[in-house]
Amino acid sequence: MSEKKFFQMKLNEENINRFDKTDGIFSIIYYLFFMIVFFICAFLSYKYKIRIVSPVSFFNYLFNKYFITVLIWLMLVLPVFIFIKLRKQSIKSVGITSENLLGSLPAGLIGALPVIVIFIILAIIRGKQINYNIISIFKVFLYHLFVIAFAEELAFRGFIQTRILTIIKNKWFGIIITALLFSLFHVPFRYFKLNSSFSPLNFIIHRWFLLLYTFLFHIYFLFIYSKKNNIAASIVTHGLINFTNTIFGLF
């Protein structure tokens, strides 16, 4: 494979060409719906101290104690499967497939390595240490892989990105818009977690690095996904990067 072809962002055009504007419109409605849910959950969690499950405690939770995390996960995942069922589309249309699976897993690992190295260097510079035991590290890894990475990759790379291109015909403009949506998706919990005195808009302006950070990661995760057109690759990359960030407490 030539260097030029390697760096191309080639999505599965065969799948995308089967979608129409109904798919694109629903992807926007879907995004607005879970953003409202996300904002409400963030507000309840930090204003009224309703507990959000942590990576370590996730596997020991009671539903009524940690329902916010379960609710968010369901709001991200279930509508996608319901919609593709109603539209008589296969799960392959959101990147869930056994095709290229064996190649996708190592591709995801390789994709994560450059960022992991950067994070380790940052951790050393900042004097960060891992304050988890072996069992907790394993729980953190599973949490970020199956709870965070799976849901976000399914929602953004597998579903929204592919459907939004039925409305926005220019591929790179569609990628930029979805990257912006992915960035904004991370604002509510950060906003309430920091108990910011800013308005949400001013918070975004003052925390521009958060938007840039997640904006670039959407493009990077999409690039990893596009290599195999299988979200297993981007799930592995996303999960490992989040896992490394969490155990070192970087961002």
C-alpha atoms as a PDB file:
ATOM      1  CA  MET A   1       0.000   0.000   0.000  1.00  0.00           C
ATOM      2  CA  SER A   2       1.392   3.412  -0.971  1.00  0.00           C
ATOM      3  CA  GLU A   3       1.851   6.158   1.598  1.00  0.00           C
ATOM      4  CA  LYS A   4      -0.765   8.285  -0.188  1.00  0.00           C
ATOM      5  CA  LYS A   5      -3.407   5.541  -0.046  1.00  0.00           C
ATOM      6  CA  PHE A   6      -2.644   4.776   3.601  1.00  0.00           C
ATOM      7  CA  PHE A   7      -3.501   8.302   4.700  1.00  0.00           C
ATOM      8  CA  GLN A   8      -6.746   8.451   2.720  1.00  0.00           C
ATOM      9  CA  MET A   9      -9.998   8.493   4.708  1.00  0.00           C
ATOM     10  CA  LYS A  10     -11.974   5.932   2.714  1.00  0.00           C
ATOM     11  CA  LEU A  11     -15.339   5.106   4.258  1.00  0.00           C
ATOM     12  CA  ASN A  12     -17.543   2.241   3.084  1.00  0.00           C
ATOM     13  CA  GLU A  13     -19.202   3.932   0.125  1.00  0.00           C
ATOM     14  CA  GLU A  14     -21.262   0.844  -0.681  1.00  0.00           C
ATOM     15  CA  ASN A  15     -23.046   1.172   2.656  1.00  0.00           C
ATOM     16  CA  ILE A  16     -23.339   4.966   2.533  1.00  0.00           C
ATOM     17  CA  ASN A  17     -24.897   4.898  -0.942  1.00  0.00           C
ATOM     18  CA  ARG A  18     -27.720   2.753   0.440  1.00  0.00           C
ATOM     19  CA  PHE A  19     -28.729   5.427   2.931  1.00  0.00           C
ATOM     20  CA  ASP A  20     -31.038   8.332   2.145  1.00  0.00           C
ATOM     21  CA  LYS A  21     -31.954  11.643   3.760  1.00  0.00           C
ATOM     22  CA  THR A  22     -34.269   9.904   6.229  1.00  0.00           C
ATOM     23  CA  ASP A  23     -31.184   8.261   7.709  1.00  0.00           C
ATOM     24  CA  GLY A  24     -29.371  11.578   7.831  1.00  0.00           C
ATOM     25  CA  ILE A  25     -32.279  13.425   9.456  1.00  0.00           C
ATOM     26  CA  PHE A  26     -32.698  10.698  12.065  1.00  0.00           C
ATOM     27  CA  SER A  27     -28.980  10.835  12.895  1.00  0.00           C
ATOM     28  CA  ILE A  28     -29.405  14.537  13.766  1.00  0.00           C
ATOM     29  CA  ILE A  29     -32.592  13.882  15.793  1.00  0.00           C
ATOM     30  CA  TYR A  30     -30.786  11.031  17.561  1.00  0.00           C
ATOM     31  CA  TYR A  31     -27.880  13.338  18.450  1.00  0.00           C
ATOM     32  CA  LEU A  32     -30.168  16.094  19.769  1.00  0.00           C
ATOM     33  CA  PHE A  33     -32.162  13.559  21.768  1.00  0.00           C
ATOM     34  CA  PHE A  34     -29.247  12.046  23.655  1.00  0.00           C
ATOM     35  CA  MET A  35     -27.603  15.462  24.123  1.00  0.00           C
ATOM     36  CA  ILE A  36     -30.727  16.589  25.994  1.00  0.00           C
ATOM     37  CA  VAL A  37     -30.658  13.375  28.036  1.00  0.00           C
ATOM     38  CA  PHE A  38     -26.922  13.800  28.592  1.00  0.00           C
ATOM     39  CA  PHE A  39     -27.323  17.379  29.797  1.00  0.00           C
ATOM     40  CA  ILE A  40     -30.116  16.422  32.212  1.00  0.00           C
ATOM     41  CA  CYS A  41     -28.084  13.481  33.545  1.00  0.00           C
ATOM     42  CA  ALA A  42     -25.039  15.701  34.043  1.00  0.00           C
ATOM     43  CA  PHE A  43     -27.139  18.283  35.870  1.00  0.00           C
ATOM     44  CA  LEU A  44     -28.708  15.694  38.185  1.00  0.00           C
ATOM     45  CA  SER A  45     -25.395  13.985  38.823  1.00  0.00           C
ATOM     46  CA  TYR A  46     -23.435  17.007  39.944  1.00  0.00           C
ATOM     47  CA  LYS A  47     -26.137  19.293  41.308  1.00  0.00           C
ATOM     48  CA  TYR A  48     -27.981  16.642  43.302  1.00  0.00           C
ATOM     49  CA  LYS A  49     -25.081  14.192  43.803  1.00  0.00           C
ATOM     50  CA  ILE A  50     -26.775  11.323  41.977  1.00  0.00           C
ATOM     51  CA  ARG A  51     -23.914   8.909  41.584  1.00  0.00           C
ATOM     52  CA  ILE A  52     -22.275   8.127  38.269  1.00  0.00           C
ATOM     53  CA  VAL A  53     -20.510   4.812  38.177  1.00  0.00           C
ATOM     54  CA  SER A  54     -16.727   4.958  38.183  1.00  0.00           C
ATOM     55  CA  PRO A  55     -14.604   2.591  36.093  1.00  0.00           C
ATOM     56  CA  VAL A  56     -13.529   0.648  39.181  1.00  0.00           C
ATOM     57  CA  SER A  57     -16.949   0.283  40.774  1.00  0.00           C
ATOM     58  CA  PHE A  58     -18.800  -0.463  37.547  1.00  0.00           C
ATOM     59  CA  PHE A  59     -18.719  -4.213  37.946  1.00  0.00           C
ATOM     60  CA  ASN A  60     -20.065  -4.036  41.516  1.00  0.00           C
ATOM     61  CA  TYR A  61     -22.931  -1.608  40.940  1.00  0.00           C
ATOM     62  CA  LEU A  62     -26.607  -1.862  41.844  1.00  0.00           C
ATOM     63  CA  PHE A  63     -28.858  -0.588  39.099  1.00  0.00           C
ATOM     64  CA  ASN A  64     -30.712   1.876  41.317  1.00  0.00           C
ATOM     65  CA  LYS A  65     -27.447   3.337  42.617  1.00  0.00           C
ATOM     66  CA  TYR A  66     -25.764   3.834  39.265  1.00  0.00           C
ATOM     67  CA  PHE A  67     -28.696   4.165  36.920  1.00  0.00           C
ATOM     68  CA  ILE A  68     -27.356   7.367  35.330  1.00  0.00           C
ATOM     69  CA  THR A  69     -24.484   5.538  33.633  1.00  0.00           C
ATOM     70  CA  VAL A  70     -26.771   2.714  32.538  1.00  0.00           C
ATOM     71  CA  LEU A  71     -29.307   5.251  31.224  1.00  0.00           C
ATOM     72  CA  ILE A  72     -26.681   7.109  29.191  1.00  0.00           C
ATOM     73  CA  TRP A  73     -25.338   3.878  27.704  1.00  0.00           C
ATOM     74  CA  LEU A  74     -28.836   2.760  26.741  1.00  0.00           C
ATOM     75  CA  MET A  75     -29.688   6.152  25.231  1.00  0.00           C
ATOM     76  CA  LEU A  76     -26.605   5.907  23.008  1.00  0.00           C
ATOM     77  CA  VAL A  77     -26.897   2.266  21.984  1.00  0.00           C
ATOM     78  CA  LEU A  78     -30.569   1.244  21.842  1.00  0.00           C
ATOM     79  CA  PRO A  79     -31.857   3.901  19.386  1.00  0.00           C
ATOM     80  CA  VAL A  80     -29.216   2.860  16.867  1.00  0.00           C
ATOM     81  CA  PHE A  81     -30.282  -0.785  16.888  1.00  0.00           C
ATOM     82  CA  ILE A  82     -33.981   0.123  16.888  1.00  0.00           C
ATOM     83  CA  PHE A  83     -33.530   2.437  13.909  1.00  0.00           C
ATOM     84  CA  ILE A  84     -31.511   0.030  11.766  1.00  0.00           C
ATOM     85  CA  LYS A  85     -34.078  -2.668  12.565  1.00  0.00           C
ATOM     86  CA  LEU A  86     -36.959  -0.434  11.453  1.00  0.00           C
ATOM     87  CA  ARG A  87     -35.029   0.570   8.338  1.00  0.00           C
ATOM     88  CA  LYS A  88     -34.184  -3.076   7.628  1.00  0.00           C
ATOM     89  CA  GLN A  89     -30.480  -2.317   7.622  1.00  0.00           C
ATOM     90  CA  SER A  90     -27.870  -4.763   8.814  1.00  0.00           C
ATOM     91  CA  ILE A  91     -25.598  -4.194  11.805  1.00  0.00           C
ATOM     92  CA  LYS A  92     -22.794  -4.165   9.263  1.00  0.00           C
ATOM     93  CA  SER A  93     -24.077  -0.716   8.266  1.00  0.00           C
ATOM     94  CA  VAL A  94     -22.819   0.602  11.618  1.00  0.00           C
ATOM     95  CA  GLY A  95     -19.489  -1.185  11.371  1.00  0.00           C
ATOM     96  CA  ILE A  96     -20.347  -4.281  13.398  1.00  0.00           C
ATOM     97  CA  THR A  97     -19.129  -7.165  11.286  1.00  0.00           C
ATOM     98  CA  SER A  98     -16.944 -10.242  11.413  1.00  0.00           C
ATOM     99  CA  GLU A  99     -15.260  -9.142   8.196  1.00  0.00           C
ATOM    100  CA  ASN A 100     -11.686  -7.967   8.766  1.00  0.00           C
ATOM    101  CA  LEU A 101     -12.143  -8.657  12.490  1.00  0.00           C
ATOM    102  CA  LEU A 102      -8.784 -10.391  12.921  1.00  0.00           C
ATOM    103  CA  GLY A 103      -7.078  -7.506  11.182  1.00  0.00           C
ATOM    104  CA  SER A 104      -9.122  -4.862  13.004  1.00  0.00           C
ATOM    105  CA  LEU A 105      -7.993  -5.788  16.518  1.00  0.00           C
ATOM    106  CA  PRO A 106      -4.227  -5.383  15.898  1.00  0.00           C
ATOM    107  CA  ALA A 107      -4.987  -2.302  13.754  1.00  0.00           C
ATOM    108  CA  GLY A 108      -6.760  -0.785  16.758  1.00  0.00           C
ATOM    109  CA  LEU A 109      -3.816  -1.623  18.996  1.00  0.00           C
ATOM    110  CA  ILE A 110      -1.325  -0.090  16.572  1.00  0.00           C
ATOM    111  CA  GLY A 111      -3.550   2.969  16.240  1.00  0.00           C
ATOM    112  CA  ALA A 112      -3.525   3.490  20.002  1.00  0.00           C
ATOM    113  CA  LEU A 113       0.251   3.136  20.475  1.00  0.00           C
ATOM    114  CA  PRO A 114       1.384   6.630  19.311  1.00  0.00           C
ATOM    115  CA  VAL A 115      -1.101   8.332  21.647  1.00  0.00           C
ATOM    116  CA  ILE A 116      -0.270   5.983  24.527  1.00  0.00           C
ATOM    117  CA  VAL A 117       3.434   6.828  24.142  1.00  0.00           C
ATOM    118  CA  ILE A 118       2.615  10.553  24.220  1.00  0.00           C
ATOM    119  CA  PHE A 119       0.447  10.067  27.319  1.00  0.00           C
ATOM    120  CA  ILE A 120       3.191   8.108  29.102  1.00  0.00           C
ATOM    121  CA  ILE A 121       5.708  10.862  28.325  1.00  0.00           C
ATOM    122  CA  LEU A 122       3.260  13.468  29.662  1.00  0.00           C
ATOM    123  CA  ALA A 123       2.708  11.368  32.785  1.00  0.00           C
ATOM    124  CA  ILE A 124       6.463  11.164  33.411  1.00  0.00           C
ATOM    125  CA  ILE A 125       6.899  14.909  32.868  1.00  0.00           C
ATOM    126  CA  ARG A 126       4.033  15.681  35.258  1.00  0.00           C
ATOM    127  CA  GLY A 127       5.180  13.138  37.822  1.00  0.00           C
ATOM    128  CA  LYS A 128       1.998  11.081  37.542  1.00  0.00           C
ATOM    129  CA  GLN A 129       1.801   7.609  39.034  1.00  0.00           C
ATOM    130  CA  ILE A 130      -0.645   4.733  38.640  1.00  0.00           C
ATOM    131  CA  ASN A 131      -2.678   4.518  41.840  1.00  0.00           C
ATOM    132  CA  TYR A 132      -4.651   1.400  40.941  1.00  0.00           C
ATOM    133  CA  ASN A 133      -4.076  -2.205  41.882  1.00  0.00           C
ATOM    134  CA  ILE A 134      -4.016  -4.937  39.221  1.00  0.00           C
ATOM    135  CA  ILE A 135      -7.694  -5.860  39.605  1.00  0.00           C
ATOM    136  CA  SER A 136      -8.773  -2.221  39.433  1.00  0.00           C
ATOM    137  CA  ILE A 137      -6.639  -1.665  36.332  1.00  0.00           C
ATOM    138  CA  PHE A 138      -8.383  -4.592  34.650  1.00  0.00           C
ATOM    139  CA  LYS A 139     -11.807  -3.169  35.594  1.00  0.00           C
ATOM    140  CA  VAL A 140     -10.853   0.275  34.283  1.00  0.00           C
ATOM    141  CA  PHE A 141      -9.760  -1.283  30.997  1.00  0.00           C
ATOM    142  CA  LEU A 142     -12.994  -3.247  30.538  1.00  0.00           C
ATOM    143  CA  TYR A 143     -15.072  -0.210  31.475  1.00  0.00           C
ATOM    144  CA  HIS A 144     -13.447   2.035  28.896  1.00  0.00           C
ATOM    145  CA  LEU A 145     -13.488  -0.652  26.222  1.00  0.00           C
ATOM    146  CA  PHE A 146     -17.055  -1.939  26.521  1.00  0.00           C
ATOM    147  CA  VAL A 147     -18.944   0.911  28.197  1.00  0.00           C
ATOM    148  CA  ILE A 148     -17.340   4.077  26.825  1.00  0.00           C
ATOM    149  CA  ALA A 149     -15.567   3.124  23.594  1.00  0.00           C
ATOM    150  CA  PHE A 150     -18.224   0.731  22.294  1.00  0.00           C
ATOM    151  CA  ALA A 151     -21.096   3.184  22.825  1.00  0.00           C
ATOM    152  CA  GLU A 152     -19.279   6.226  21.416  1.00  0.00           C
ATOM    153  CA  GLU A 153     -17.830   4.402  18.417  1.00  0.00           C
ATOM    154  CA  LEU A 154     -21.208   2.916  17.569  1.00  0.00           C
ATOM    155  CA  ALA A 155     -22.929   6.291  17.934  1.00  0.00           C
ATOM    156  CA  PHE A 156     -20.440   8.587  16.209  1.00  0.00           C
ATOM    157  CA  ARG A 157     -18.219   6.618  13.850  1.00  0.00           C
ATOM    158  CA  GLY A 158     -20.629   3.793  13.015  1.00  0.00           C
ATOM    159  CA  PHE A 159     -23.947   5.664  12.910  1.00  0.00           C
ATOM    160  CA  ILE A 160     -23.921   9.472  12.843  1.00  0.00           C
ATOM    161  CA  GLN A 161     -20.873   9.904  10.611  1.00  0.00           C
ATOM    162  CA  THR A 162     -22.091   7.518   7.908  1.00  0.00           C
ATOM    163  CA  ARG A 163     -25.692   8.821   7.890  1.00  0.00           C
ATOM    164  CA  ILE A 164     -24.914  12.520   8.050  1.00  0.00           C
ATOM    165  CA  LEU A 165     -23.182  12.240   4.684  1.00  0.00           C
ATOM    166  CA  THR A 166     -26.622  11.837   3.083  1.00  0.00           C
ATOM    167  CA  ILE A 167     -27.313  15.458   4.077  1.00  0.00           C
ATOM    168  CA  ILE A 168     -23.808  16.869   3.800  1.00  0.00           C
ATOM    169  CA  LYS A 169     -22.481  15.630   0.490  1.00  0.00           C
ATOM    170  CA  ASN A 170     -18.922  16.890   0.912  1.00  0.00           C
ATOM    171  CA  LYS A 171     -17.145  14.127   2.818  1.00  0.00           C
ATOM    172  CA  TRP A 172     -14.652  16.310   4.690  1.00  0.00           C
ATOM    173  CA  PHE A 173     -17.251  18.900   5.620  1.00  0.00           C
ATOM    174  CA  GLY A 174     -19.391  16.053   6.979  1.00  0.00           C
ATOM    175  CA  ILE A 175     -16.416  14.762   8.956  1.00  0.00           C
ATOM    176  CA  ILE A 176     -15.731  18.210  10.403  1.00  0.00           C
ATOM    177  CA  ILE A 177     -19.387  18.682  11.425  1.00  0.00           C
ATOM    178  CA  THR A 178     -19.487  15.261  13.106  1.00  0.00           C
ATOM    179  CA  ALA A 179     -16.180  15.982  14.842  1.00  0.00           C
ATOM    180  CA  LEU A 180     -17.720  19.174  16.218  1.00  0.00           C
ATOM    181  CA  LEU A 181     -20.773  17.221  17.412  1.00  0.00           C
ATOM    182  CA  PHE A 182     -18.462  14.733  19.105  1.00  0.00           C
ATOM    183  CA  SER A 183     -16.653  17.602  20.846  1.00  0.00           C
ATOM    184  CA  LEU A 184     -19.869  19.160  22.126  1.00  0.00           C
ATOM    185  CA  PHE A 185     -20.996  15.745  23.360  1.00  0.00           C
ATOM    186  CA  HIS A 186     -18.224  15.907  25.998  1.00  0.00           C
ATOM    187  CA  VAL A 187     -19.161  19.346  27.329  1.00  0.00           C
ATOM    188  CA  PRO A 188     -22.136  18.721  29.713  1.00  0.00           C
ATOM    189  CA  PHE A 189     -20.409  16.489  32.257  1.00  0.00           C
ATOM    190  CA  ARG A 190     -17.206  18.548  32.225  1.00  0.00           C
ATOM    191  CA  TYR A 191     -19.236  21.708  32.692  1.00  0.00           C
ATOM    192  CA  PHE A 192     -21.170  20.494  35.743  1.00  0.00           C
ATOM    193  CA  LYS A 193     -18.235  18.513  37.144  1.00  0.00           C
ATOM    194  CA  LEU A 194     -16.139  21.668  37.402  1.00  0.00           C
ATOM    195  CA  ASN A 195     -19.103  23.543  38.909  1.00  0.00           C
ATOM    196  CA  SER A 196     -18.291  26.326  36.511  1.00  0.00           C
ATOM    197  CA  SER A 197     -19.502  29.857  37.152  1.00  0.00           C
ATOM    198  CA  PHE A 198     -19.364  30.482  33.403  1.00  0.00           C
ATOM    199  CA  SER A 199     -22.357  30.127  31.122  1.00  0.00           C
ATOM    200  CA  PRO A 200     -22.158  27.002  28.941  1.00  0.00           C
ATOM    201  CA  LEU A 201     -21.061  29.157  25.977  1.00  0.00           C
ATOM    202  CA  ASN A 202     -18.333  30.917  27.958  1.00  0.00           C
ATOM    203  CA  PHE A 203     -17.287  27.576  29.382  1.00  0.00           C
ATOM    204  CA  ILE A 204     -16.756  26.263  25.847  1.00  0.00           C
ATOM    205  CA  ILE A 205     -14.717  29.366  24.974  1.00  0.00           C
ATOM    206  CA  HIS A 206     -12.548  29.081  28.095  1.00  0.00           C
ATOM    207  CA  ARG A 207     -12.181  25.310  27.723  1.00  0.00           C
ATOM    208  CA  TRP A 208     -11.413  25.389  24.004  1.00  0.00           C
ATOM    209  CA  PHE A 209      -8.708  22.755  24.475  1.00  0.00           C
ATOM    210  CA  LEU A 210     -11.368  20.193  25.418  1.00  0.00           C
ATOM    211  CA  LEU A 211     -13.188  20.858  22.144  1.00  0.00           C
ATOM    212  CA  LEU A 212      -9.985  20.683  20.099  1.00  0.00           C
ATOM    213  CA  TYR A 213      -8.861  17.512  21.888  1.00  0.00           C
ATOM    214  CA  THR A 214     -12.084  15.600  21.211  1.00  0.00           C
ATOM    215  CA  PHE A 215     -12.500  17.149  17.749  1.00  0.00           C
ATOM    216  CA  LEU A 216      -9.146  15.750  16.631  1.00  0.00           C
ATOM    217  CA  PHE A 217      -9.837  12.401  18.245  1.00  0.00           C
ATOM    218  CA  HIS A 218     -13.023  11.980  16.206  1.00  0.00           C
ATOM    219  CA  ILE A 219     -10.994  12.358  13.029  1.00  0.00           C
ATOM    220  CA  TYR A 220      -8.314  10.014  14.348  1.00  0.00           C
ATOM    221  CA  PHE A 221     -10.804   7.325  15.439  1.00  0.00           C
ATOM    222  CA  LEU A 222     -12.596   7.660  12.095  1.00  0.00           C
ATOM    223  CA  PHE A 223      -9.273   7.197  10.309  1.00  0.00           C
ATOM    224  CA  ILE A 224      -8.659   3.975  12.266  1.00  0.00           C
ATOM    225  CA  TYR A 225     -12.210   2.805  11.531  1.00  0.00           C
ATOM    226  CA  SER A 226     -11.846   3.560   7.819  1.00  0.00           C
ATOM    227  CA  LYS A 227      -8.822   1.281   7.468  1.00  0.00           C
ATOM    228  CA  LYS A 228     -10.974  -1.828   8.038  1.00  0.00           C
ATOM    229  CA  ASN A 229     -14.542  -0.427   8.042  1.00  0.00           C
ATOM    230  CA  ASN A 230     -15.024  -2.319  11.278  1.00  0.00           C
ATOM    231  CA  ILE A 231     -15.661  -0.446  14.531  1.00  0.00           C
ATOM    232  CA  ALA A 232     -13.724  -3.121  16.415  1.00  0.00           C
ATOM    233  CA  ALA A 233     -10.570  -1.275  15.314  1.00  0.00           C
ATOM    234  CA  SER A 234     -11.648   2.140  16.563  1.00  0.00           C
ATOM    235  CA  ILE A 235     -13.160   0.628  19.726  1.00  0.00           C
ATOM    236  CA  VAL A 236      -9.786  -0.876  20.645  1.00  0.00           C
ATOM    237  CA  THR A 237      -7.952   2.387  19.868  1.00  0.00           C
ATOM    238  CA  HIS A 238     -10.502   4.497  21.747  1.00  0.00           C
ATOM    239  CA  GLY A 239     -10.655   2.146  24.727  1.00  0.00           C
ATOM    240  CA  LEU A 240      -6.867   1.923  25.144  1.00  0.00           C
ATOM    241  CA  ILE A 241      -6.415   5.695  24.851  1.00  0.00           C
ATOM    242  CA  ASN A 242      -9.158   6.417  27.415  1.00  0.00           C
ATOM    243  CA  PHE A 243      -7.770   3.692  29.680  1.00  0.00           C
ATOM    244  CA  THR A 244      -4.250   5.173  29.602  1.00  0.00           C
ATOM    245  CA  ASN A 245      -5.587   8.661  30.242  1.00  0.00           C
ATOM    246  CA  THR A 246      -7.609   7.464  33.238  1.00  0.00           C
ATOM    247  CA  ILE A 247      -4.934   5.411  35.011  1.00  0.00           C
ATOM    248  CA  PHE A 248      -2.500   8.334  34.787  1.00  0.00           C
ATOM    249  CA  GLY A 249      -5.147  10.992  35.508  1.00  0.00           C
ATOM    250  CA  LEU A 250      -4.003  13.257  32.696  1.00  0.00           C
ATOM    251  CA  PHE A 251      -7.095  15.050  31.345  1.00  0.00           C
END
